[in-house]
Amino acid sequence: MTFEKEKGRSLIVGIAAGLAGAATVALFATFGITSAGAVVPLFASLAIIVGTAHYWKTLHAQGLHDEFRQVKRRLSVLEDSIAETQGLVQLSGLNQPFPLPFGGSWALTPDAAVVLAREVVIRRPEVVVELGSGVSTLLVGRLLRQLGRGRLISLDHDPSWARETRRQVLADGLQDYVEVVDAPMVRQKFDGQAFDWYRIPEQLRDIGEIDMITVDGPPQATDTGILSRYPALPAFAEQLSEQALIYVDDASRETEQAMVKKWLLQYPGWTSRMIDTVPGTCLLERQK
């Protein structure tokens, strides 16, 4: 119930109580209990006091509720900031000629980047496919270079953004480990349903087994009934190695949760694990 509705209800309660009191006294008078007439002012005053008290109680309670919501919201922002700061500290040990471009509404957050970095180092993938280029492209590329092995192929539907990522890849000297490919969105079917999704380049089809997929694109439609990123698994299901990992960013969103749930239903043998990062991170791999 909104604050204005609660105030209105309090006034109505007071008025109703007053009217009920007046009606009761009138009923007494009808049966000859004339002394009840003296009670009318007292009864009406009491009803007004009760209604007023209820009104101010509601006003005070609403004020406390608003303050609590503000404190809760600020604590949530602080918690996210602490998580991101911890992520930056953990990533500071990377050998990097210039800082990773964290920040912005679409960028990988530092705490989610730590999860990705840890999985790359532990799994040592030979082939990584990335859906949506950006911060993660440079991060994974640097890790592959440090490991001295592996290759990252990043698909991006936005030519200007892909061009900017390629510029940073060259500036970082990662061209031997990273390839950013223009992959325009085209209408195609996956599991019997039509999607606007990346046009997969031939070199990716010919590359053999894929050890890791990072799912951070394409942009999710505002319509939560459209799972824009769902094709990521069916598009590469036959190329995924036995040890393959699917890394899903923004996994706290309703659409990504529905996507993962649908994957698990349609592709038995896979299991998922949620990790508490600012945007939410989900890792999927085959059951051992």
Protein backbone atom coordinates (compact mmCIF):
# COMPACT_ATOMS: atom_id res chain seq x y z
CA MET A 1 0.00 0.00 0.00
CA THR A 2 1.37 3.49 -0.92
CA PHE A 3 1.91 6.25 1.60
CA GLU A 4 -0.89 8.43 0.18
CA LYS A 5 -3.35 5.54 0.30
CA GLU A 6 -2.39 4.82 3.91
CA LYS A 7 -2.97 8.46 4.89
CA GLY A 8 -6.36 8.41 3.22
CA ARG A 9 -7.24 5.20 5.02
CA SER A 10 -6.32 6.75 8.39
CA LEU A 11 -8.61 9.71 7.82
CA ILE A 12 -11.41 7.43 6.72
CA VAL A 13 -10.92 5.33 9.88
CA GLY A 14 -11.28 8.46 12.04
CA ILE A 15 -14.37 9.71 10.23
CA ALA A 16 -15.97 6.27 10.26
CA ALA A 17 -15.32 5.94 13.99
CA GLY A 18 -16.94 9.34 14.63
CA LEU A 19 -19.98 8.48 12.56
CA ALA A 20 -20.31 5.12 14.25
CA GLY A 21 -20.20 6.80 17.65
CA ALA A 22 -22.83 9.34 16.69
CA ALA A 23 -25.07 6.60 15.29
CA THR A 24 -24.75 4.62 18.52
CA VAL A 25 -25.76 7.58 20.67
CA ALA A 26 -28.70 8.31 18.36
CA LEU A 27 -29.79 4.70 18.77
CA PHE A 28 -29.67 5.07 22.57
CA ALA A 29 -31.82 8.20 22.33
CA THR A 30 -34.37 6.36 20.20
CA PHE A 31 -34.93 3.91 23.05
CA GLY A 32 -35.31 6.68 25.59
CA ILE A 33 -31.78 6.62 26.93
CA THR A 34 -31.63 10.42 26.80
CA SER A 35 -28.60 10.61 29.07
CA ALA A 36 -26.62 9.21 26.16
CA GLY A 37 -26.96 12.62 24.50
CA ALA A 38 -24.32 13.90 26.86
CA VAL A 39 -21.91 11.29 25.59
CA VAL A 40 -22.02 12.55 21.97
CA PRO A 41 -19.24 15.15 22.27
CA LEU A 42 -17.04 12.75 24.26
CA PHE A 43 -17.58 9.85 21.86
CA ALA A 44 -16.93 12.01 18.77
CA SER A 45 -13.79 13.51 20.32
CA LEU A 46 -12.50 10.06 21.20
CA ALA A 47 -13.05 8.86 17.63
CA ILE A 48 -11.16 11.87 16.23
CA ILE A 49 -8.27 11.26 18.62
CA VAL A 50 -8.07 7.59 17.60
CA GLY A 51 -8.13 8.44 13.90
CA THR A 52 -5.52 11.19 14.30
CA ALA A 53 -3.24 8.90 16.30
CA HIS A 54 -3.51 6.23 13.63
CA TYR A 55 -2.74 8.79 10.94
CA TRP A 56 0.44 10.03 12.62
CA LYS A 57 1.53 6.51 13.45
CA THR A 58 1.26 5.65 9.76
CA LEU A 59 3.15 8.82 8.83
CA HIS A 60 6.00 7.95 11.22
CA ALA A 61 6.14 4.32 10.08
CA GLN A 62 6.32 5.36 6.43
CA GLY A 63 9.17 7.74 7.22
CA LEU A 64 11.11 4.96 8.93
CA HIS A 65 10.42 2.62 6.00
CA ASP A 66 11.78 5.18 3.49
CA GLU A 67 14.91 5.70 5.58
CA PHE A 68 15.45 1.93 5.80
CA ARG A 69 15.17 1.57 2.02
CA GLN A 70 17.72 4.35 1.50
CA VAL A 71 20.16 2.72 3.93
CA LYS A 72 19.65 -0.67 2.26
CA ARG A 73 20.26 0.83 -1.19
CA ARG A 74 23.44 2.57 -0.02
CA LEU A 75 24.71 -0.61 1.60
CA SER A 76 24.11 -2.49 -1.66
CA VAL A 77 26.12 0.11 -3.61
CA LEU A 78 28.90 -0.06 -1.00
CA GLU A 79 28.95 -3.86 -1.17
CA ASP A 80 29.30 -3.75 -4.98
CA SER A 81 32.09 -1.18 -4.72
CA ILE A 82 33.98 -3.33 -2.22
CA ALA A 83 33.63 -6.39 -4.47
CA GLU A 84 34.93 -4.48 -7.48
CA THR A 85 37.83 -3.03 -5.50
CA GLN A 86 38.81 -6.49 -4.32
CA GLY A 87 38.72 -7.65 -7.93
CA LEU A 88 41.01 -4.82 -9.05
CA VAL A 89 43.48 -5.64 -6.29
CA GLN A 90 43.57 -9.31 -7.31
CA LEU A 91 44.10 -8.38 -10.98
CA SER A 92 46.90 -5.92 -10.17
CA GLY A 93 49.48 -8.69 -10.41
CA LEU A 94 48.94 -9.10 -14.16
CA ASN A 95 51.84 -8.00 -16.33
CA GLN A 96 50.11 -5.22 -18.25
CA PRO A 97 51.57 -2.30 -20.21
CA PHE A 98 48.46 -0.21 -19.58
CA PRO A 99 45.35 -0.58 -17.34
CA LEU A 100 42.41 -2.65 -18.42
CA PRO A 101 39.48 -0.39 -19.44
CA PHE A 102 37.11 -1.26 -16.60
CA GLY A 103 34.02 0.85 -16.12
CA GLY A 104 30.90 1.67 -18.10
CA SER A 105 27.51 0.04 -18.08
CA TRP A 106 28.56 -2.83 -20.40
CA ALA A 107 32.09 -3.50 -19.18
CA LEU A 108 33.08 -6.64 -17.32
CA THR A 109 33.28 -5.82 -13.61
CA PRO A 110 36.58 -6.51 -11.79
CA ASP A 111 35.13 -9.20 -9.51
CA ALA A 112 33.62 -11.04 -12.50
CA ALA A 113 36.95 -10.63 -14.31
CA VAL A 114 38.74 -12.37 -11.43
CA VAL A 115 36.48 -15.42 -11.86
CA LEU A 116 37.20 -15.50 -15.60
CA ALA A 117 40.95 -15.09 -15.07
CA ARG A 118 41.03 -17.88 -12.50
CA GLU A 119 39.25 -20.31 -14.83
CA VAL A 120 41.57 -19.51 -17.75
CA VAL A 121 44.69 -20.08 -15.63
CA ILE A 122 43.38 -23.31 -14.11
CA ARG A 123 41.98 -24.82 -17.31
CA ARG A 124 44.65 -23.59 -19.77
CA PRO A 125 42.27 -23.66 -22.77
CA GLU A 126 43.59 -24.08 -26.29
CA VAL A 127 40.58 -22.40 -27.94
CA VAL A 128 38.39 -19.74 -26.33
CA VAL A 129 35.35 -18.29 -28.11
CA GLU A 130 34.10 -14.96 -26.85
CA LEU A 131 30.66 -13.54 -27.62
CA GLY A 132 30.96 -9.79 -27.28
CA SER A 133 34.41 -8.16 -27.23
CA GLY A 134 35.80 -5.70 -24.70
CA VAL A 135 37.64 -5.88 -21.39
CA SER A 136 37.48 -9.67 -21.31
CA THR A 137 39.21 -9.81 -24.72
CA LEU A 138 42.31 -8.09 -23.38
CA LEU A 139 42.22 -9.95 -20.07
CA VAL A 140 42.02 -13.42 -21.62
CA GLY A 141 44.55 -12.47 -24.29
CA ARG A 142 47.07 -11.39 -21.67
CA LEU A 143 46.58 -14.58 -19.71
CA LEU A 144 47.05 -16.74 -22.80
CA ARG A 145 50.25 -14.86 -23.56
CA GLN A 146 51.52 -15.47 -20.04
CA LEU A 147 50.63 -19.15 -20.35
CA GLY A 148 52.36 -19.26 -23.73
CA ARG A 149 49.48 -21.14 -25.34
CA GLY A 150 45.92 -20.85 -26.59
CA ARG A 151 43.91 -18.69 -28.93
CA LEU A 152 40.92 -16.40 -28.42
CA ILE A 153 38.39 -15.71 -31.17
CA SER A 154 36.05 -12.87 -30.26
CA LEU A 155 32.79 -12.28 -32.17
CA ASP A 156 31.25 -8.81 -32.19
CA HIS A 157 28.21 -7.58 -34.10
CA ASP A 158 29.19 -3.89 -33.80
CA PRO A 159 31.89 -3.02 -36.40
CA SER A 160 32.99 0.18 -34.63
CA TRP A 161 33.29 -1.54 -31.26
CA ALA A 162 35.15 -4.47 -32.83
CA ARG A 163 37.52 -2.02 -34.50
CA GLU A 164 38.24 -0.33 -31.17
CA THR A 165 38.90 -3.70 -29.52
CA ARG A 166 41.30 -4.63 -32.32
CA ARG A 167 43.12 -1.33 -31.79
CA GLN A 168 43.65 -2.17 -28.12
CA VAL A 169 44.68 -5.73 -28.96
CA LEU A 170 47.41 -4.38 -31.24
CA ALA A 171 48.49 -1.79 -28.67
CA ASP A 172 48.87 -4.59 -26.13
CA GLY A 173 50.76 -6.83 -28.56
CA LEU A 174 48.18 -9.63 -28.33
CA GLN A 175 47.62 -10.22 -32.05
CA ASP A 176 49.30 -13.65 -31.87
CA TYR A 177 46.72 -14.81 -29.32
CA VAL A 178 43.57 -12.81 -30.09
CA GLU A 179 41.43 -12.38 -33.21
CA VAL A 180 38.42 -10.06 -33.13
CA VAL A 181 35.96 -10.97 -35.89
CA ASP A 182 33.09 -8.91 -37.29
CA ALA A 183 30.01 -11.13 -36.92
CA PRO A 184 26.81 -9.33 -38.00
CA MET A 185 23.47 -10.43 -36.64
CA VAL A 186 21.47 -12.64 -38.97
CA ARG A 187 18.16 -14.48 -38.60
CA GLN A 188 18.74 -18.19 -37.96
CA LYS A 189 17.16 -21.11 -36.13
CA PHE A 190 18.43 -22.94 -33.05
CA ASP A 191 16.49 -25.79 -31.48
CA GLY A 192 13.53 -24.94 -33.69
CA GLN A 193 13.34 -21.29 -32.65
CA ALA A 194 14.37 -18.24 -34.70
CA PHE A 195 16.95 -15.83 -33.28
CA ASP A 196 18.90 -12.80 -34.46
CA TRP A 197 22.41 -14.02 -33.68
CA TYR A 198 26.01 -13.84 -34.81
CA ARG A 199 26.93 -15.10 -38.25
CA ILE A 200 29.61 -17.65 -37.40
CA PRO A 201 32.78 -17.26 -39.53
CA GLU A 202 34.17 -20.26 -41.38
CA GLN A 203 37.51 -20.14 -39.55
CA LEU A 204 35.67 -20.79 -36.31
CA ARG A 205 33.89 -23.82 -37.75
CA ASP A 206 37.21 -25.21 -38.92
CA ILE A 207 39.10 -24.60 -35.69
CA GLY A 208 38.14 -27.91 -34.06
CA GLU A 209 37.27 -28.33 -30.39
CA ILE A 210 36.40 -25.35 -28.20
CA ASP A 211 37.49 -25.38 -24.56
CA MET A 212 35.78 -22.25 -23.27
CA ILE A 213 32.97 -19.90 -24.29
CA THR A 214 32.40 -16.53 -22.62
CA VAL A 215 28.83 -15.31 -23.09
CA ASP A 216 28.56 -11.52 -22.83
CA GLY A 217 26.66 -10.78 -26.02
CA PRO A 218 24.71 -10.02 -28.07
CA PRO A 219 22.80 -7.25 -26.22
CA GLN A 220 19.81 -8.62 -24.37
CA ALA A 221 16.44 -7.42 -25.68
CA THR A 222 14.26 -5.40 -23.32
CA ASP A 223 11.59 -8.04 -23.83
CA THR A 224 12.42 -10.65 -21.17
CA GLY A 225 10.59 -13.26 -23.22
CA ILE A 226 13.34 -13.13 -25.83
CA LEU A 227 16.48 -14.98 -24.73
CA SER A 228 18.90 -13.21 -27.07
CA ARG A 229 21.96 -15.13 -25.81
CA TYR A 230 20.41 -18.59 -25.81
CA PRO A 231 22.06 -19.73 -29.11
CA ALA A 232 25.52 -19.72 -27.48
CA LEU A 233 25.26 -23.37 -26.42
CA PRO A 234 23.33 -24.91 -29.36
CA ALA A 235 25.53 -23.07 -31.87
CA PHE A 236 28.71 -24.73 -30.55
CA ALA A 237 27.39 -27.84 -28.78
CA GLU A 238 29.06 -30.24 -31.21
CA GLN A 239 32.42 -28.44 -31.01
CA LEU A 240 32.72 -28.27 -27.23
CA SER A 241 35.45 -30.43 -25.73
CA GLU A 242 34.77 -32.78 -22.82
CA GLN A 243 36.39 -30.31 -20.42
CA ALA A 244 34.66 -27.26 -21.91
CA LEU A 245 33.48 -24.39 -19.72
CA ILE A 246 30.73 -21.89 -20.50
CA TYR A 247 31.18 -18.59 -18.67
CA VAL A 248 27.97 -16.51 -18.46
CA ASP A 249 28.17 -12.85 -17.46
CA ASP A 250 25.15 -10.87 -16.13
CA ALA A 251 23.82 -14.14 -14.72
CA SER A 252 21.74 -12.40 -12.05
CA ARG A 253 19.35 -11.12 -14.69
CA GLU A 254 16.04 -12.87 -15.21
CA THR A 255 16.77 -13.52 -18.89
CA GLU A 256 20.14 -15.16 -18.25
CA GLN A 257 18.67 -17.32 -15.49
CA ALA A 258 15.88 -18.46 -17.84
CA MET A 259 18.49 -19.14 -20.52
CA VAL A 260 20.61 -21.33 -18.24
CA LYS A 261 17.54 -23.19 -17.04
CA LYS A 262 16.53 -23.90 -20.64
CA TRP A 263 20.05 -25.08 -21.49
CA LEU A 264 20.06 -27.54 -18.62
CA LEU A 265 16.69 -28.94 -19.69
CA GLN A 266 17.57 -29.31 -23.36
CA TYR A 267 21.17 -30.43 -22.96
CA PRO A 268 21.32 -33.14 -20.27
CA GLY A 269 24.71 -33.81 -18.79
CA TRP A 270 25.55 -30.18 -18.08
CA THR A 271 25.60 -28.62 -14.62
CA SER A 272 25.69 -24.98 -13.52
CA ARG A 273 27.23 -23.07 -10.62
CA MET A 274 26.43 -19.49 -9.62
CA ILE A 275 29.15 -17.22 -8.25
CA ASP A 276 28.27 -14.09 -6.30
CA THR A 277 29.71 -11.21 -8.32
CA VAL A 278 28.20 -7.77 -8.90
CA PRO A 279 26.49 -8.77 -12.20
CA GLY A 280 26.24 -12.45 -11.26
CA THR A 281 28.46 -15.09 -12.87
CA CYS A 282 27.37 -18.59 -13.90
CA LEU A 283 29.76 -21.39 -14.87
CA LEU A 284 28.52 -24.41 -16.80
CA GLU A 285 30.43 -27.62 -17.45
CA ARG A 286 29.68 -31.24 -18.11
CA GLN A 287 28.93 -33.44 -15.13
CA LYS A 288 31.90 -35.57 -14.18
